[in-house]
Amino acid sequence: EFAASEAGAEIFGRQYRRVYAACKRHEIKVLAGMVT
């Protein structure tokens, strides 16, 4: 939702919104591969 957020783009800028979402997607992918 943040990655598509107009408020996120207005407050942080589209470049920062994109980079933030990319980092978080990457972290989610890594943690999703860890069985607890």
PDB file of all heavy atoms in Angstrom:
ATOM      1  N   GLU A   1       0.835  -1.202   0.000  1.00  0.00           N
ATOM      2  CA  GLU A   1       0.000   0.000   0.000  1.00  0.00           C
ATOM      3  C   GLU A   1       0.871   1.252   0.000  1.00  0.00           C
ATOM      4  O   GLU A   1       0.574   2.226  -0.693  1.00  0.00           O
ATOM      5  CB  GLU A   1      -0.955   0.026   1.188  1.00  0.00           C
ATOM      6  CG  GLU A   1      -1.797   1.294   1.199  1.00  0.00           C
ATOM      7  CD  GLU A   1      -3.117   1.177   1.919  1.00  0.00           C
ATOM      8  OE1 GLU A   1      -3.453   0.081   2.393  1.00  0.00           O
ATOM      9  OE2 GLU A   1      -3.829   2.201   2.005  1.00  0.00           O
ATOM     10  N   PHE A   2       1.959   1.226   0.771  1.00  0.00           N
ATOM     11  CA  PHE A   2       2.856   2.379   0.765  1.00  0.00           C
ATOM     12  C   PHE A   2       3.465   2.584  -0.622  1.00  0.00           C
ATOM     13  O   PHE A   2       3.610   3.727  -1.086  1.00  0.00           O
ATOM     14  CB  PHE A   2       3.964   2.204   1.802  1.00  0.00           C
ATOM     15  CG  PHE A   2       4.976   3.316   1.790  1.00  0.00           C
ATOM     16  CD1 PHE A   2       4.692   4.549   2.358  1.00  0.00           C
ATOM     17  CD2 PHE A   2       6.213   3.140   1.181  1.00  0.00           C
ATOM     18  CE1 PHE A   2       5.614   5.586   2.330  1.00  0.00           C
ATOM     19  CE2 PHE A   2       7.150   4.177   1.147  1.00  0.00           C
ATOM     20  CZ  PHE A   2       6.839   5.400   1.724  1.00  0.00           C
ATOM     21  N   ALA A   3       3.833   1.503  -1.287  1.00  0.00           N
ATOM     22  CA  ALA A   3       4.468   1.598  -2.609  1.00  0.00           C
ATOM     23  C   ALA A   3       3.582   2.299  -3.622  1.00  0.00           C
ATOM     24  O   ALA A   3       4.082   2.924  -4.567  1.00  0.00           O
ATOM     25  CB  ALA A   3       4.838   0.200  -3.110  1.00  0.00           C
ATOM     26  N   ALA A   4       2.261   2.217  -3.436  1.00  0.00           N
ATOM     27  CA  ALA A   4       1.324   2.865  -4.352  1.00  0.00           C
ATOM     28  C   ALA A   4       0.707   4.122  -3.764  1.00  0.00           C
ATOM     29  O   ALA A   4      -0.179   4.723  -4.384  1.00  0.00           O
ATOM     30  CB  ALA A   4       0.219   1.876  -4.713  1.00  0.00           C
ATOM     31  N   SER A   5       1.179   4.539  -2.607  1.00  0.00           N
ATOM     32  CA  SER A   5       0.539   5.617  -1.858  1.00  0.00           C
ATOM     33  C   SER A   5       0.845   6.990  -2.443  1.00  0.00           C
ATOM     34  O   SER A   5       2.005   7.370  -2.604  1.00  0.00           O
ATOM     35  CB  SER A   5       1.022   5.575  -0.401  1.00  0.00           C
ATOM     36  OG  SER A   5       0.747   6.774   0.270  1.00  0.00           O
ATOM     37  N   GLU A   6      -0.206   7.753  -2.719  1.00  0.00           N
ATOM     38  CA  GLU A   6      -0.005   9.133  -3.147  1.00  0.00           C
ATOM     39  C   GLU A   6       0.491   9.989  -1.990  1.00  0.00           C
ATOM     40  O   GLU A   6       1.295  10.899  -2.186  1.00  0.00           O
ATOM     41  CB  GLU A   6      -1.292   9.701  -3.727  1.00  0.00           C
ATOM     42  CG  GLU A   6      -1.625   9.164  -5.111  1.00  0.00           C
ATOM     43  CD  GLU A   6      -0.484   9.396  -6.101  1.00  0.00           C
ATOM     44  OE1 GLU A   6       0.047  10.527  -6.163  1.00  0.00           O
ATOM     45  OE2 GLU A   6      -0.125   8.445  -6.815  1.00  0.00           O
ATOM     46  N   ALA A   7       0.022   9.713  -0.795  1.00  0.00           N
ATOM     47  CA  ALA A   7       0.541  10.445   0.368  1.00  0.00           C
ATOM     48  C   ALA A   7       2.015  10.166   0.559  1.00  0.00           C
ATOM     49  O   ALA A   7       2.805  11.061   0.894  1.00  0.00           O
ATOM     50  CB  ALA A   7      -0.249  10.070   1.624  1.00  0.00           C
ATOM     51  N   GLY A   8       2.428   8.915   0.358  1.00  0.00           N
ATOM     52  CA  GLY A   8       3.846   8.577   0.466  1.00  0.00           C
ATOM     53  C   GLY A   8       4.692   9.334  -0.537  1.00  0.00           C
ATOM     54  O   GLY A   8       5.777   9.817  -0.223  1.00  0.00           O
ATOM     55  N   ALA A   9       4.179   9.466  -1.780  1.00  0.00           N
ATOM     56  CA  ALA A   9       4.909  10.209  -2.800  1.00  0.00           C
ATOM     57  C   ALA A   9       4.936  11.691  -2.476  1.00  0.00           C
ATOM     58  O   ALA A   9       5.960  12.368  -2.672  1.00  0.00           O
ATOM     59  CB  ALA A   9       4.267   9.985  -4.168  1.00  0.00           C
ATOM     60  N   GLU A  10       3.824  12.239  -1.970  1.00  0.00           N
ATOM     61  CA  GLU A  10       3.759  13.662  -1.658  1.00  0.00           C
ATOM     62  C   GLU A  10       4.687  14.025  -0.504  1.00  0.00           C
ATOM     63  O   GLU A  10       5.326  15.073  -0.521  1.00  0.00           O
ATOM     64  CB  GLU A  10       2.318  14.034  -1.308  1.00  0.00           C
ATOM     65  CG  GLU A  10       2.119  15.517  -1.019  1.00  0.00           C
ATOM     66  CD  GLU A  10       0.666  15.888  -0.800  1.00  0.00           C
ATOM     67  OE1 GLU A  10      -0.222  15.131  -1.237  1.00  0.00           O
ATOM     68  OE2 GLU A  10       0.409  16.938  -0.180  1.00  0.00           O
ATOM     69  N   ILE A  11       4.769  13.168   0.481  1.00  0.00           N
ATOM     70  CA  ILE A  11       5.565  13.477   1.679  1.00  0.00           C
ATOM     71  C   ILE A  11       7.036  13.171   1.469  1.00  0.00           C
ATOM     72  O   ILE A  11       7.907  13.969   1.844  1.00  0.00           O
ATOM     73  CB  ILE A  11       5.015  12.686   2.889  1.00  0.00           C
ATOM     74  CG1 ILE A  11       3.600  13.162   3.227  1.00  0.00           C
ATOM     75  CG2 ILE A  11       5.930  12.836   4.103  1.00  0.00           C
ATOM     76  CD1 ILE A  11       2.854  12.250   4.189  1.00  0.00           C
ATOM     77  N   PHE A  12       7.343  12.029   0.874  1.00  0.00           N
ATOM     78  CA  PHE A  12       8.733  11.576   0.771  1.00  0.00           C
ATOM     79  C   PHE A  12       9.333  11.726  -0.620  1.00  0.00           C
ATOM     80  O   PHE A  12      10.555  11.613  -0.768  1.00  0.00           O
ATOM     81  CB  PHE A  12       8.830  10.102   1.205  1.00  0.00           C
ATOM     82  CG  PHE A  12       8.449   9.866   2.637  1.00  0.00           C
ATOM     83  CD1 PHE A  12       7.205   9.360   2.964  1.00  0.00           C
ATOM     84  CD2 PHE A  12       9.328  10.176   3.660  1.00  0.00           C
ATOM     85  CE1 PHE A  12       6.843   9.153   4.289  1.00  0.00           C
ATOM     86  CE2 PHE A  12       8.979   9.978   4.978  1.00  0.00           C
ATOM     87  CZ  PHE A  12       7.742   9.469   5.296  1.00  0.00           C
ATOM     88  N   GLY A  13       8.510  11.956  -1.633  1.00  0.00           N
ATOM     89  CA  GLY A  13       8.989  11.984  -3.008  1.00  0.00           C
ATOM     90  C   GLY A  13       8.915  10.596  -3.617  1.00  0.00           C
ATOM     91  O   GLY A  13       9.069   9.583  -2.929  1.00  0.00           O
ATOM     92  N   ARG A  14       8.691  10.524  -4.915  1.00  0.00           N
ATOM     93  CA  ARG A  14       8.515   9.234  -5.583  1.00  0.00           C
ATOM     94  C   ARG A  14       9.794   8.401  -5.562  1.00  0.00           C
ATOM     95  O   ARG A  14       9.747   7.175  -5.451  1.00  0.00           O
ATOM     96  CB  ARG A  14       8.024   9.438  -7.018  1.00  0.00           C
ATOM     97  CG  ARG A  14       6.617  10.029  -7.061  1.00  0.00           C
ATOM     98  CD  ARG A  14       6.021  10.083  -8.450  1.00  0.00           C
ATOM     99  NE  ARG A  14       4.704  10.701  -8.402  1.00  0.00           N
ATOM    100  CZ  ARG A  14       3.584  10.058  -8.061  1.00  0.00           C
ATOM    101  NH1 ARG A  14       3.629   8.762  -7.798  1.00  0.00           N
ATOM    102  NH2 ARG A  14       2.427  10.697  -8.019  1.00  0.00           N
ATOM    103  N   GLN A  15      10.958   9.072  -5.644  1.00  0.00           N
ATOM    104  CA  GLN A  15      12.210   8.317  -5.610  1.00  0.00           C
ATOM    105  C   GLN A  15      12.384   7.604  -4.277  1.00  0.00           C
ATOM    106  O   GLN A  15      12.737   6.427  -4.222  1.00  0.00           O
ATOM    107  CB  GLN A  15      13.400   9.262  -5.837  1.00  0.00           C
ATOM    108  CG  GLN A  15      13.551   9.762  -7.249  1.00  0.00           C
ATOM    109  CD  GLN A  15      14.668  10.783  -7.324  1.00  0.00           C
ATOM    110  OE1 GLN A  15      14.465  11.959  -7.042  1.00  0.00           O
ATOM    111  NE2 GLN A  15      15.852  10.343  -7.684  1.00  0.00           N
ATOM    112  N   TYR A  16      12.131   8.343  -3.198  1.00  0.00           N
ATOM    113  CA  TYR A  16      12.331   7.730  -1.892  1.00  0.00           C
ATOM    114  C   TYR A  16      11.286   6.653  -1.645  1.00  0.00           C
ATOM    115  O   TYR A  16      11.603   5.585  -1.095  1.00  0.00           O
ATOM    116  CB  TYR A  16      12.278   8.763  -0.772  1.00  0.00           C
ATOM    117  CG  TYR A  16      12.837   8.195   0.525  1.00  0.00           C
ATOM    118  CD1 TYR A  16      14.202   8.161   0.751  1.00  0.00           C
ATOM    119  CD2 TYR A  16      11.990   7.644   1.487  1.00  0.00           C
ATOM    120  CE1 TYR A  16      14.713   7.598   1.898  1.00  0.00           C
ATOM    121  CE2 TYR A  16      12.494   7.079   2.642  1.00  0.00           C
ATOM    122  CZ  TYR A  16      13.864   7.062   2.840  1.00  0.00           C
ATOM    123  OH  TYR A  16      14.366   6.480   3.983  1.00  0.00           O
ATOM    124  N   ARG A  17      10.044   6.896  -2.047  1.00  0.00           N
ATOM    125  CA  ARG A  17       9.001   5.877  -1.880  1.00  0.00           C
ATOM    126  C   ARG A  17       9.399   4.590  -2.586  1.00  0.00           C
ATOM    127  O   ARG A  17       9.236   3.477  -2.037  1.00  0.00           O
ATOM    128  CB  ARG A  17       7.676   6.410  -2.433  1.00  0.00           C
ATOM    129  CG  ARG A  17       6.484   5.495  -2.185  1.00  0.00           C
ATOM    130  CD  ARG A  17       5.242   5.962  -2.929  1.00  0.00           C
ATOM    131  NE  ARG A  17       5.405   5.866  -4.381  1.00  0.00           N
ATOM    132  CZ  ARG A  17       4.441   6.099  -5.255  1.00  0.00           C
ATOM    133  NH1 ARG A  17       3.232   6.474  -4.836  1.00  0.00           N
ATOM    134  NH2 ARG A  17       4.658   5.992  -6.555  1.00  0.00           N
ATOM    135  N   ARG A  18       9.921   4.697  -3.790  1.00  0.00           N
ATOM    136  CA  ARG A  18      10.326   3.508  -4.548  1.00  0.00           C
ATOM    137  C   ARG A  18      11.443   2.751  -3.852  1.00  0.00           C
ATOM    138  O   ARG A  18      11.394   1.522  -3.705  1.00  0.00           O
ATOM    139  CB  ARG A  18      10.782   3.918  -5.956  1.00  0.00           C
ATOM    140  CG  ARG A  18      11.271   2.762  -6.816  1.00  0.00           C
ATOM    141  CD  ARG A  18      11.916   3.244  -8.098  1.00  0.00           C
ATOM    142  NE  ARG A  18      13.150   3.990  -7.855  1.00  0.00           N
ATOM    143  CZ  ARG A  18      14.327   3.431  -7.580  1.00  0.00           C
ATOM    144  NH1 ARG A  18      14.447   2.102  -7.506  1.00  0.00           N
ATOM    145  NH2 ARG A  18      15.393   4.176  -7.395  1.00  0.00           N
ATOM    146  N   VAL A  19      12.478   3.466  -3.395  1.00  0.00           N
ATOM    147  CA  VAL A  19      13.628   2.824  -2.763  1.00  0.00           C
ATOM    148  C   VAL A  19      13.237   2.184  -1.432  1.00  0.00           C
ATOM    149  O   VAL A  19      13.646   1.062  -1.116  1.00  0.00           O
ATOM    150  CB  VAL A  19      14.775   3.851  -2.575  1.00  0.00           C
ATOM    151  CG1 VAL A  19      15.848   3.319  -1.642  1.00  0.00           C
ATOM    152  CG2 VAL A  19      15.376   4.194  -3.933  1.00  0.00           C
ATOM    153  N   TYR A  20      12.413   2.888  -0.667  1.00  0.00           N
ATOM    154  CA  TYR A  20      11.973   2.332   0.618  1.00  0.00           C
ATOM    155  C   TYR A  20      11.199   1.039   0.392  1.00  0.00           C
ATOM    156  O   TYR A  20      11.450   0.016   1.058  1.00  0.00           O
ATOM    157  CB  TYR A  20      11.108   3.355   1.354  1.00  0.00           C
ATOM    158  CG  TYR A  20      10.730   2.932   2.754  1.00  0.00           C
ATOM    159  CD1 TYR A  20      11.549   3.237   3.837  1.00  0.00           C
ATOM    160  CD2 TYR A  20       9.553   2.225   3.007  1.00  0.00           C
ATOM    161  CE1 TYR A  20      11.208   2.842   5.126  1.00  0.00           C
ATOM    162  CE2 TYR A  20       9.209   1.822   4.287  1.00  0.00           C
ATOM    163  CZ  TYR A  20      10.042   2.142   5.342  1.00  0.00           C
ATOM    164  OH  TYR A  20       9.714   1.747   6.619  1.00  0.00           O
ATOM    165  N   ALA A  21      10.258   1.053  -0.535  1.00  0.00           N
ATOM    166  CA  ALA A  21       9.466  -0.141  -0.807  1.00  0.00           C
ATOM    167  C   ALA A  21      10.341  -1.277  -1.319  1.00  0.00           C
ATOM    168  O   ALA A  21      10.142  -2.450  -0.945  1.00  0.00           O
ATOM    169  CB  ALA A  21       8.361   0.176  -1.813  1.00  0.00           C
ATOM    170  N   ALA A  22      11.336  -0.967  -2.149  1.00  0.00           N
ATOM    171  CA  ALA A  22      12.226  -2.008  -2.673  1.00  0.00           C
ATOM    172  C   ALA A  22      13.005  -2.667  -1.545  1.00  0.00           C
ATOM    173  O   ALA A  22      13.163  -3.900  -1.522  1.00  0.00           O
ATOM    174  CB  ALA A  22      13.177  -1.407  -3.706  1.00  0.00           C
ATOM    175  N   CYS A  23      13.501  -1.870  -0.605  1.00  0.00           N
ATOM    176  CA  CYS A  23      14.247  -2.434   0.529  1.00  0.00           C
ATOM    177  C   CYS A  23      13.358  -3.324   1.375  1.00  0.00           C
ATOM    178  O   CYS A  23      13.762  -4.413   1.799  1.00  0.00           O
ATOM    179  CB  CYS A  23      14.826  -1.313   1.391  1.00  0.00           C
ATOM    180  SG  CYS A  23      16.285  -0.523   0.691  1.00  0.00           S
ATOM    181  N   LYS A  24      12.138  -2.874   1.640  1.00  0.00           N
ATOM    182  CA  LYS A  24      11.246  -3.660   2.487  1.00  0.00           C
ATOM    183  C   LYS A  24      10.780  -4.936   1.795  1.00  0.00           C
ATOM    184  O   LYS A  24      10.664  -5.994   2.427  1.00  0.00           O
ATOM    185  CB  LYS A  24      10.063  -2.807   2.929  1.00  0.00           C
ATOM    186  CG  LYS A  24      10.475  -1.669   3.851  1.00  0.00           C
ATOM    187  CD  LYS A  24      11.201  -2.197   5.081  1.00  0.00           C
ATOM    188  CE  LYS A  24      12.039  -1.164   5.787  1.00  0.00           C
ATOM    189  NZ  LYS A  24      12.806  -1.719   6.906  1.00  0.00           N
ATOM    190  N   ARG A  25      10.522  -4.876   0.493  1.00  0.00           N
ATOM    191  CA  ARG A  25      10.173  -6.101  -0.235  1.00  0.00           C
ATOM    192  C   ARG A  25      11.309  -7.112  -0.165  1.00  0.00           C
ATOM    193  O   ARG A  25      11.084  -8.320  -0.014  1.00  0.00           O
ATOM    194  CB  ARG A  25       9.859  -5.765  -1.693  1.00  0.00           C
ATOM    195  CG  ARG A  25       8.517  -5.082  -1.913  1.00  0.00           C
ATOM    196  CD  ARG A  25       8.417  -4.608  -3.339  1.00  0.00           C
ATOM    197  NE  ARG A  25       7.121  -4.027  -3.673  1.00  0.00           N
ATOM    198  CZ  ARG A  25       6.956  -3.024  -4.510  1.00  0.00           C
ATOM    199  NH1 ARG A  25       8.015  -2.490  -5.126  1.00  0.00           N
ATOM    200  NH2 ARG A  25       5.749  -2.554  -4.762  1.00  0.00           N
ATOM    201  N   HIS A  26      12.529  -6.608  -0.288  1.00  0.00           N
ATOM    202  CA  HIS A  26      13.694  -7.484  -0.204  1.00  0.00           C
ATOM    203  C   HIS A  26      13.782  -8.146   1.172  1.00  0.00           C
ATOM    204  O   HIS A  26      13.999  -9.366   1.274  1.00  0.00           O
ATOM    205  CB  HIS A  26      14.960  -6.658  -0.479  1.00  0.00           C
ATOM    206  CG  HIS A  26      16.230  -7.327  -0.063  1.00  0.00           C
ATOM    207  ND1 HIS A  26      16.852  -8.300  -0.813  1.00  0.00           N
ATOM    208  CD2 HIS A  26      16.999  -7.161   1.055  1.00  0.00           C
ATOM    209  CE1 HIS A  26      17.944  -8.717  -0.191  1.00  0.00           C
ATOM    210  NE2 HIS A  26      18.056  -8.038   0.937  1.00  0.00           N
ATOM    211  N   GLU A  27      13.590  -7.369   2.240  1.00  0.00           N
ATOM    212  CA  GLU A  27      13.653  -7.938   3.589  1.00  0.00           C
ATOM    213  C   GLU A  27      12.545  -8.966   3.806  1.00  0.00           C
ATOM    214  O   GLU A  27      12.767 -10.016   4.430  1.00  0.00           O
ATOM    215  CB  GLU A  27      13.553  -6.820   4.625  1.00  0.00           C
ATOM    216  CG  GLU A  27      14.767  -5.902   4.647  1.00  0.00           C
ATOM    217  CD  GLU A  27      14.644  -4.748   5.627  1.00  0.00           C
ATOM    218  OE1 GLU A  27      13.629  -4.688   6.362  1.00  0.00           O
ATOM    219  OE2 GLU A  27      15.543  -3.911   5.657  1.00  0.00           O
ATOM    220  N   ILE A  28      11.347  -8.679   3.286  1.00  0.00           N
ATOM    221  CA  ILE A  28      10.238  -9.625   3.395  1.00  0.00           C
ATOM    222  C   ILE A  28      10.580 -10.937   2.695  1.00  0.00           C
ATOM    223  O   ILE A  28      10.332 -12.029   3.219  1.00  0.00           O
ATOM    224  CB  ILE A  28       8.956  -9.004   2.809  1.00  0.00           C
ATOM    225  CG1 ILE A  28       8.458  -7.874   3.710  1.00  0.00           C
ATOM    226  CG2 ILE A  28       7.862 -10.052   2.636  1.00  0.00           C
ATOM    227  CD1 ILE A  28       7.398  -6.998   3.082  1.00  0.00           C
ATOM    228  N   LYS A  29      11.157 -10.839   1.515  1.00  0.00           N
ATOM    229  CA  LYS A  29      11.520 -12.038   0.752  1.00  0.00           C
ATOM    230  C   LYS A  29      12.532 -12.884   1.507  1.00  0.00           C
ATOM    231  O   LYS A  29      12.413 -14.122   1.578  1.00  0.00           O
ATOM    232  CB  LYS A  29      12.079 -11.627  -0.613  1.00  0.00           C
ATOM    233  CG  LYS A  29      12.453 -12.792  -1.504  1.00  0.00           C
ATOM    234  CD  LYS A  29      12.965 -12.303  -2.853  1.00  0.00           C
ATOM    235  CE  LYS A  29      13.370 -13.471  -3.744  1.00  0.00           C
ATOM    236  NZ  LYS A  29      13.870 -13.002  -5.071  1.00  0.00           N
ATOM    237  N   VAL A  30      13.530 -12.239   2.105  1.00  0.00           N
ATOM    238  CA  VAL A  30      14.550 -12.986   2.852  1.00  0.00           C
ATOM    239  C   VAL A  30      13.932 -13.679   4.060  1.00  0.00           C
ATOM    240  O   VAL A  30      14.154 -14.870   4.304  1.00  0.00           O
ATOM    241  CB  VAL A  30      15.686 -12.042   3.301  1.00  0.00           C
ATOM    242  CG1 VAL A  30      16.639 -12.771   4.244  1.00  0.00           C
ATOM    243  CG2 VAL A  30      16.454 -11.522   2.083  1.00  0.00           C
ATOM    244  N   LEU A  31      13.135 -12.950   4.824  1.00  0.00           N
ATOM    245  CA  LEU A  31      12.552 -13.534   6.035  1.00  0.00           C
ATOM    246  C   LEU A  31      11.512 -14.596   5.711  1.00  0.00           C
ATOM    247  O   LEU A  31      11.358 -15.573   6.463  1.00  0.00           O
ATOM    248  CB  LEU A  31      11.933 -12.429   6.896  1.00  0.00           C
ATOM    249  CG  LEU A  31      12.950 -11.513   7.585  1.00  0.00           C
ATOM    250  CD1 LEU A  31      12.251 -10.321   8.233  1.00  0.00           C
ATOM    251  CD2 LEU A  31      13.737 -12.278   8.635  1.00  0.00           C
ATOM    252  N   ALA A  32      10.808 -14.429   4.593  1.00  0.00           N
ATOM    253  CA  ALA A  32       9.821 -15.440   4.210  1.00  0.00           C
ATOM    254  C   ALA A  32      10.476 -16.778   3.889  1.00  0.00           C
ATOM    255  O   ALA A  32       9.829 -17.825   3.970  1.00  0.00           O
ATOM    256  CB  ALA A  32       9.010 -14.956   3.010  1.00  0.00           C
ATOM    257  N   GLY A  33      11.750 -16.772   3.559  1.00  0.00           N
ATOM    258  CA  GLY A  33      12.469 -18.007   3.263  1.00  0.00           C
ATOM    259  C   GLY A  33      13.037 -18.699   4.485  1.00  0.00           C
ATOM    260  O   GLY A  33      13.676 -19.745   4.359  1.00  0.00           O
ATOM    261  N   MET A  34      12.817 -18.114   5.663  1.00  0.00           N
ATOM    262  CA  MET A  34      13.342 -18.705   6.909  1.00  0.00           C
ATOM    263  C   MET A  34      12.211 -19.405   7.654  1.00  0.00           C
ATOM    264  O   MET A  34      11.252 -18.756   8.087  1.00  0.00           O
ATOM    265  CB  MET A  34      13.952 -17.611   7.786  1.00  0.00           C
ATOM    266  CG  MET A  34      15.121 -16.889   7.164  1.00  0.00           C
ATOM    267  SD  MET A  34      15.755 -15.597   8.283  1.00  0.00           S
ATOM    268  CE  MET A  34      17.067 -14.910   7.267  1.00  0.00           C
ATOM    269  N   VAL A  35      12.311 -20.720   7.800  1.00  0.00           N
ATOM    270  CA  VAL A  35      11.323 -21.487   8.556  1.00  0.00           C
ATOM    271  C   VAL A  35      11.727 -21.451  10.026  1.00  0.00           C
ATOM    272  O   VAL A  35      12.863 -21.749  10.385  1.00  0.00           O
ATOM    273  CB  VAL A  35      11.241 -22.930   8.047  1.00  0.00           C
ATOM    274  CG1 VAL A  35      10.183 -23.709   8.814  1.00  0.00           C
ATOM    275  CG2 VAL A  35      10.941 -22.952   6.552  1.00  0.00           C
ATOM    276  N   THR A  36      10.791 -21.084  10.898  1.00  0.00           N
ATOM    277  CA  THR A  36      11.114 -20.872  12.312  1.00  0.00           C
ATOM    278  C   THR A  36      11.064 -22.178  13.099  1.00  0.00           C
ATOM    279  O   THR A  36      10.443 -23.167  12.683  1.00  0.00           O
ATOM    280  CB  THR A  36      10.129 -19.882  12.936  1.00  0.00           C
ATOM    281  OG1 THR A  36       8.817 -20.475  12.980  1.00  0.00           O
ATOM    282  CG2 THR A  36      10.078 -18.586  12.141  1.00  0.00           C
TER     283      THR A  36
END
